[in-house]
N, C-alpha and C. Protein backbone atom coordinates (compact mmCIF):
# COMPACT_ATOMS: atom_id res chain seq x y z
N MET A 1 1.62 24.04 -28.20
CA MET A 1 1.96 22.92 -27.35
C MET A 1 0.86 21.88 -27.39
N PHE A 2 -0.40 22.31 -27.19
CA PHE A 2 -1.49 21.36 -27.19
C PHE A 2 -1.91 20.97 -28.60
N GLY A 3 -1.39 21.64 -29.60
CA GLY A 3 -1.69 21.28 -30.96
C GLY A 3 -1.14 19.91 -31.32
N MET A 4 -0.09 19.50 -30.65
CA MET A 4 0.52 18.20 -30.91
C MET A 4 -0.22 17.07 -30.19
N LEU A 5 -1.02 17.40 -29.20
CA LEU A 5 -1.71 16.40 -28.40
C LEU A 5 -3.05 16.08 -29.07
N ASP A 6 -3.10 14.96 -29.77
CA ASP A 6 -4.29 14.56 -30.49
C ASP A 6 -4.96 13.41 -29.74
N LEU A 7 -6.07 13.69 -29.05
CA LEU A 7 -6.76 12.68 -28.26
C LEU A 7 -7.94 12.08 -28.99
N ASP A 8 -8.09 12.39 -30.25
CA ASP A 8 -9.19 11.87 -31.04
C ASP A 8 -8.86 10.46 -31.51
N ALA A 9 -9.60 9.47 -31.02
CA ALA A 9 -9.38 8.08 -31.41
C ALA A 9 -10.38 7.64 -32.47
N SER A 10 -11.10 8.59 -33.01
CA SER A 10 -12.10 8.38 -34.08
C SER A 10 -12.92 7.12 -33.89
N PRO A 11 -12.87 6.17 -34.81
CA PRO A 11 -13.79 5.03 -34.70
C PRO A 11 -13.49 4.10 -33.52
N TYR A 12 -12.27 4.16 -33.01
CA TYR A 12 -11.90 3.24 -31.94
C TYR A 12 -12.03 3.86 -30.55
N GLY A 13 -12.41 5.11 -30.49
CA GLY A 13 -12.52 5.82 -29.22
C GLY A 13 -13.46 5.16 -28.23
N ALA A 14 -14.53 4.56 -28.73
CA ALA A 14 -15.49 3.90 -27.85
C ALA A 14 -14.87 2.70 -27.13
N PHE A 15 -13.78 2.17 -27.66
CA PHE A 15 -13.10 1.03 -27.04
C PHE A 15 -11.84 1.47 -26.29
N VAL A 16 -11.13 2.43 -26.86
CA VAL A 16 -9.85 2.84 -26.29
C VAL A 16 -10.01 3.57 -24.96
N TRP A 17 -10.90 4.57 -24.90
CA TRP A 17 -11.02 5.36 -23.67
C TRP A 17 -11.56 4.56 -22.50
N PRO A 18 -12.55 3.71 -22.67
CA PRO A 18 -12.96 2.87 -21.54
C PRO A 18 -11.85 1.90 -21.11
N ALA A 19 -11.07 1.42 -22.07
CA ALA A 19 -9.96 0.53 -21.73
C ALA A 19 -8.92 1.28 -20.90
N PHE A 20 -8.62 2.52 -21.27
CA PHE A 20 -7.69 3.33 -20.47
C PHE A 20 -8.25 3.56 -19.07
N ALA A 21 -9.55 3.85 -18.98
CA ALA A 21 -10.17 4.10 -17.68
C ALA A 21 -10.13 2.85 -16.80
N ILE A 22 -10.45 1.70 -17.37
CA ILE A 22 -10.41 0.45 -16.61
C ILE A 22 -9.00 0.15 -16.14
N THR A 23 -8.03 0.38 -17.01
CA THR A 23 -6.63 0.15 -16.65
C THR A 23 -6.21 1.06 -15.50
N ALA A 24 -6.61 2.33 -15.55
CA ALA A 24 -6.27 3.26 -14.47
C ALA A 24 -6.93 2.85 -13.16
N LEU A 25 -8.18 2.40 -13.21
CA LEU A 25 -8.86 1.96 -11.99
C LEU A 25 -8.22 0.71 -11.40
N VAL A 26 -7.87 -0.25 -12.25
CA VAL A 26 -7.22 -1.47 -11.77
C VAL A 26 -5.86 -1.13 -11.17
N PHE A 27 -5.12 -0.27 -11.82
CA PHE A 27 -3.81 0.12 -11.31
C PHE A 27 -3.94 0.82 -9.96
N ALA A 28 -4.91 1.73 -9.84
CA ALA A 28 -5.14 2.42 -8.56
C ALA A 28 -5.53 1.42 -7.48
N GLY A 29 -6.34 0.45 -7.82
CA GLY A 29 -6.72 -0.59 -6.86
C GLY A 29 -5.53 -1.42 -6.41
N MET A 30 -4.65 -1.72 -7.33
CA MET A 30 -3.44 -2.49 -6.99
C MET A 30 -2.53 -1.69 -6.06
N VAL A 31 -2.39 -0.42 -6.33
CA VAL A 31 -1.57 0.43 -5.46
C VAL A 31 -2.19 0.53 -4.08
N ALA A 32 -3.51 0.73 -4.01
CA ALA A 32 -4.19 0.81 -2.72
C ALA A 32 -4.06 -0.51 -1.95
N GLY A 33 -4.18 -1.62 -2.63
CA GLY A 33 -4.03 -2.92 -1.99
C GLY A 33 -2.62 -3.13 -1.46
N ALA A 34 -1.63 -2.74 -2.23
CA ALA A 34 -0.24 -2.87 -1.78
C ALA A 34 0.03 -2.01 -0.56
N LEU A 35 -0.51 -0.79 -0.55
CA LEU A 35 -0.33 0.08 0.61
C LEU A 35 -1.03 -0.47 1.84
N ALA A 36 -2.21 -1.05 1.66
CA ALA A 36 -2.93 -1.64 2.79
C ALA A 36 -2.17 -2.84 3.36
N HIS A 37 -1.64 -3.68 2.49
CA HIS A 37 -0.85 -4.82 2.96
C HIS A 37 0.41 -4.36 3.68
N ALA A 38 1.07 -3.34 3.16
CA ALA A 38 2.28 -2.83 3.81
C ALA A 38 1.95 -2.28 5.19
N ARG A 39 0.84 -1.56 5.31
CA ARG A 39 0.41 -1.03 6.60
C ARG A 39 0.14 -2.17 7.58
N HIS A 40 -0.54 -3.21 7.11
CA HIS A 40 -0.85 -4.36 7.96
C HIS A 40 0.41 -5.04 8.45
N TRP A 41 1.34 -5.32 7.54
CA TRP A 41 2.55 -6.04 7.94
C TRP A 41 3.47 -5.19 8.78
N ARG A 42 3.44 -3.87 8.59
CA ARG A 42 4.24 -3.00 9.45
C ARG A 42 3.73 -3.07 10.89
N SER A 43 2.40 -3.01 11.07
CA SER A 43 1.84 -3.08 12.42
C SER A 43 2.05 -4.47 13.01
N ARG A 44 1.95 -5.51 12.20
CA ARG A 44 2.18 -6.88 12.69
C ARG A 44 3.63 -7.05 13.13
N THR A 45 4.56 -6.52 12.37
CA THR A 45 5.98 -6.61 12.73
C THR A 45 6.24 -5.87 14.03
N GLU A 46 5.64 -4.69 14.19
CA GLU A 46 5.82 -3.93 15.43
C GLU A 46 5.26 -4.70 16.62
N SER A 47 4.11 -5.33 16.44
CA SER A 47 3.51 -6.12 17.49
C SER A 47 4.41 -7.30 17.89
N LEU A 48 4.95 -8.00 16.91
CA LEU A 48 5.84 -9.12 17.19
C LEU A 48 7.13 -8.65 17.85
N ARG A 49 7.63 -7.48 17.45
CA ARG A 49 8.84 -6.95 18.06
C ARG A 49 8.62 -6.65 19.54
N LYS A 50 7.47 -6.04 19.85
CA LYS A 50 7.16 -5.74 21.26
C LYS A 50 7.01 -7.02 22.06
N THR A 51 6.37 -8.03 21.48
CA THR A 51 6.21 -9.31 22.16
C THR A 51 7.57 -9.95 22.42
N ALA A 52 8.45 -9.92 21.45
CA ALA A 52 9.78 -10.51 21.61
C ALA A 52 10.59 -9.75 22.66
N GLU A 53 10.48 -8.43 22.67
CA GLU A 53 11.20 -7.64 23.68
C GLU A 53 10.68 -7.95 25.08
N ALA A 54 9.36 -8.11 25.22
CA ALA A 54 8.78 -8.42 26.53
C ALA A 54 9.22 -9.81 26.98
N ALA A 55 9.25 -10.76 26.06
CA ALA A 55 9.69 -12.12 26.41
C ALA A 55 11.17 -12.12 26.81
N GLU A 56 11.97 -11.37 26.10
CA GLU A 56 13.40 -11.29 26.43
C GLU A 56 13.60 -10.64 27.79
N ALA A 57 12.84 -9.57 28.07
CA ALA A 57 12.94 -8.90 29.36
C ALA A 57 12.48 -9.83 30.48
N ALA A 58 11.43 -10.60 30.25
CA ALA A 58 10.94 -11.54 31.26
C ALA A 58 11.96 -12.64 31.49
N ARG A 59 12.61 -13.07 30.44
CA ARG A 59 13.63 -14.11 30.57
C ARG A 59 14.79 -13.62 31.41
N ARG A 60 15.15 -12.36 31.24
CA ARG A 60 16.25 -11.77 32.00
C ARG A 60 15.82 -11.34 33.40
N GLY A 61 14.54 -11.29 33.64
CA GLY A 61 14.04 -10.86 34.93
C GLY A 61 13.96 -9.36 35.07
N ALA A 62 14.09 -8.65 33.98
CA ALA A 62 14.03 -7.19 34.01
C ALA A 62 12.58 -6.75 33.88
N PRO A 63 12.26 -5.57 34.43
CA PRO A 63 10.89 -5.07 34.25
C PRO A 63 10.64 -4.71 32.79
N VAL A 64 9.43 -4.93 32.35
CA VAL A 64 9.05 -4.64 30.98
C VAL A 64 8.79 -3.16 30.83
N GLN A 65 9.44 -2.54 29.85
CA GLN A 65 9.24 -1.12 29.58
C GLN A 65 8.30 -0.99 28.39
N ASP A 66 7.25 -0.20 28.57
CA ASP A 66 6.32 0.02 27.48
C ASP A 66 6.75 1.28 26.75
N ALA A 67 7.29 1.10 25.53
CA ALA A 67 7.81 2.23 24.76
C ALA A 67 6.65 3.04 24.19
N ALA A 68 6.69 4.33 24.43
CA ALA A 68 5.68 5.22 23.87
C ALA A 68 6.10 5.65 22.47
N PRO A 69 5.17 5.62 21.51
CA PRO A 69 5.54 6.02 20.13
C PRO A 69 5.78 7.49 19.98
């Protein structure tokens, strides 16, 4: 099985393997950045939803209910 896997890049190995490593690091950074932005916008959306619900309740004259997560 591993006989078919040839990882020897001979003369180009000094360029190929660092390029693969840099690509993997950049890709991991992009994924981490996307997850961080998604987390931020999820919390921002939740905050805006709570604010809108409180404003709607105040407009109706109803007591504001603080929803527990």
